[in-house]
């Protein structure tokens, strides 16, 4: 995450129960526009889970990112219908994060599920 400059507020939410906040960002060296997915491990919805459910969620996140990364790097070329992951999963004590091609919103947000979105982003998605 240190390789990127992030917008101050997230523009989308996604993943299981919309736990990921999705930020627009820019790679500091290349200037490439990206989206950064960040899941706060201390989110109240995760904290309310039983320990076994929490661990199952975290293992699922790790496994899913591994599969997407491998698929995105497959030959002869990555599938244009699969989100391209640029930076593999980074895990700290506080969060999971990874970078992808730039997104404007998640599919769930586009279909008017605004869970975990700031008011400004709700307005922007609604107007598209």
Protein backbone atom coordinates (compact mmCIF):
# COMPACT_ATOMS: atom_id res chain seq x y z
CA UNK A 1 0.00 0.00 0.00
CA UNK A 2 2.97 2.28 0.48
CA UNK A 3 3.55 2.29 -3.30
CA UNK A 4 0.28 4.16 -3.88
CA UNK A 5 -1.31 7.53 -3.26
CA UNK A 6 -4.93 7.00 -2.18
CA UNK A 7 -7.93 9.28 -2.43
CA UNK A 8 -9.06 10.34 1.07
CA UNK A 9 -12.48 8.68 0.81
CA UNK A 10 -13.46 5.36 -0.71
CA UNK A 11 -15.54 5.30 -3.89
CA UNK A 12 -17.00 1.80 -3.66
CA UNK A 13 -17.50 -1.18 -1.40
CA UNK A 14 -17.42 -4.85 -2.26
CA UNK A 15 -16.74 -8.40 -1.30
CA UNK A 16 -18.45 -10.48 1.33
CA UNK A 17 -20.97 -8.27 3.21
CA UNK A 18 -19.30 -5.28 1.47
CA UNK A 19 -16.43 -5.46 3.96
CA UNK A 20 -13.92 -4.08 1.45
CA UNK A 21 -13.64 -0.33 1.07
CA UNK A 22 -12.41 0.41 -2.45
CA UNK A 23 -10.23 3.50 -2.88
CA UNK A 24 -9.06 5.09 -6.11
CA UNK A 25 -5.32 5.55 -6.14
CA UNK A 26 -2.26 6.13 -8.26
CA UNK A 27 0.98 4.17 -8.35
CA UNK A 28 3.65 6.61 -7.11
CA UNK A 29 6.36 5.60 -9.62
CA UNK A 30 4.37 4.87 -12.78
CA UNK A 31 1.35 7.14 -12.32
CA UNK A 32 -0.91 4.23 -13.24
CA UNK A 33 -4.50 4.61 -11.95
CA UNK A 34 -5.50 1.73 -9.65
CA UNK A 35 -8.12 0.73 -7.13
CA UNK A 36 -7.04 -0.40 -3.67
CA UNK A 37 -9.28 -2.84 -1.81
CA UNK A 38 -8.92 -2.57 1.98
CA UNK A 39 -10.65 -4.79 4.54
CA UNK A 40 -10.29 -3.60 8.13
CA UNK A 41 -9.95 -6.68 10.33
CA UNK A 42 -11.41 -4.65 13.23
CA UNK A 43 -14.60 -3.72 11.37
CA UNK A 44 -17.49 -4.06 13.87
CA UNK A 45 -19.18 -6.65 11.63
CA UNK A 46 -16.06 -8.82 11.74
CA UNK A 47 -15.50 -8.22 15.46
CA UNK A 48 -19.05 -9.50 16.12
CA UNK A 49 -18.24 -12.85 14.45
CA UNK A 50 -17.26 -15.93 16.40
CA UNK A 51 -13.56 -16.68 16.27
CA UNK A 52 -14.01 -19.71 13.98
CA UNK A 53 -16.14 -17.66 11.53
CA UNK A 54 -13.55 -14.89 11.53
CA UNK A 55 -10.72 -17.29 10.76
CA UNK A 56 -12.77 -18.96 8.02
CA UNK A 57 -13.41 -15.54 6.45
CA UNK A 58 -9.73 -14.61 6.58
CA UNK A 59 -8.65 -17.95 5.06
CA UNK A 60 -11.25 -17.51 2.32
CA UNK A 61 -9.89 -14.03 1.51
CA UNK A 62 -6.33 -15.36 1.30
CA UNK A 63 -7.38 -18.27 -0.94
CA UNK A 64 -9.57 -16.14 -3.24
CA UNK A 65 -6.83 -13.60 -3.88
CA UNK A 66 -4.35 -16.38 -4.63
CA UNK A 67 -6.73 -17.89 -7.20
CA UNK A 68 -7.51 -14.53 -8.84
CA UNK A 69 -3.83 -13.63 -9.06
CA UNK A 70 -2.98 -16.97 -10.70
CA UNK A 71 -5.88 -16.63 -13.14
CA UNK A 72 -4.96 -13.05 -14.04
CA UNK A 73 -1.41 -14.15 -14.89
CA UNK A 74 -2.48 -17.12 -16.99
CA UNK A 75 -1.20 -17.49 -20.54
CA UNK A 76 -1.70 -16.66 -23.35
CA UNK A 77 -3.40 -13.55 -21.96
CA UNK A 78 -5.53 -12.62 -18.95
CA UNK A 79 -9.27 -12.89 -19.41
CA UNK A 80 -10.74 -9.42 -20.12
CA UNK A 81 -13.82 -10.26 -18.02
CA UNK A 82 -11.86 -10.92 -14.84
CA UNK A 83 -10.67 -8.10 -12.62
CA UNK A 84 -6.91 -7.71 -13.07
CA UNK A 85 -5.01 -7.82 -9.80
CA UNK A 86 -1.78 -5.82 -9.90
CA UNK A 87 -0.45 -6.21 -6.38
CA UNK A 88 -1.11 -9.44 -4.51
CA UNK A 89 -2.65 -9.57 -1.10
CA UNK A 90 -0.88 -7.70 1.65
CA UNK A 91 -1.87 -8.71 5.15
CA UNK A 92 -1.07 -6.83 8.33
CA UNK A 93 -2.44 -7.20 11.84
CA UNK A 94 -5.06 -4.58 11.02
CA UNK A 95 -6.07 -5.19 7.41
CA UNK A 96 -6.04 -7.01 4.10
CA UNK A 97 -5.31 -4.98 0.97
CA UNK A 98 -4.61 -5.49 -2.71
CA UNK A 99 -4.52 -3.36 -5.85
CA UNK A 100 -6.41 -3.85 -9.10
CA UNK A 101 -7.20 -2.07 -12.31
CA UNK A 102 -9.21 1.13 -11.67
CA UNK A 103 -12.89 0.68 -10.75
CA UNK A 104 -15.62 3.28 -10.46
CA UNK A 105 -17.97 1.13 -8.37
CA UNK A 106 -18.68 -2.50 -7.54
CA UNK A 107 -21.45 -4.46 -9.21
CA UNK A 108 -23.42 -4.47 -5.95
CA UNK A 109 -23.08 -0.68 -5.65
CA UNK A 110 -24.25 -0.27 -9.24
CA UNK A 111 -27.36 -2.28 -8.40
CA UNK A 112 -28.06 0.17 -5.59
CA UNK A 113 -26.69 -1.70 -2.57
CA UNK A 114 -24.83 1.13 -0.86
CA UNK A 115 -23.64 -0.81 2.20
CA UNK A 116 -20.38 0.64 3.60
CA UNK A 117 -20.33 3.67 1.24
CA UNK A 118 -19.88 7.32 2.24
CA UNK A 119 -22.76 9.66 1.20
CA UNK A 120 -20.70 11.38 -1.53
CA UNK A 121 -20.03 8.05 -3.25
CA UNK A 122 -23.71 7.09 -3.05
CA UNK A 123 -24.61 10.27 -4.93
CA UNK A 124 -21.93 9.65 -7.59
CA UNK A 125 -22.99 6.03 -8.21
CA UNK A 126 -26.69 7.00 -8.28
CA UNK A 127 -26.05 9.60 -10.97
CA UNK A 128 -24.28 7.15 -13.34
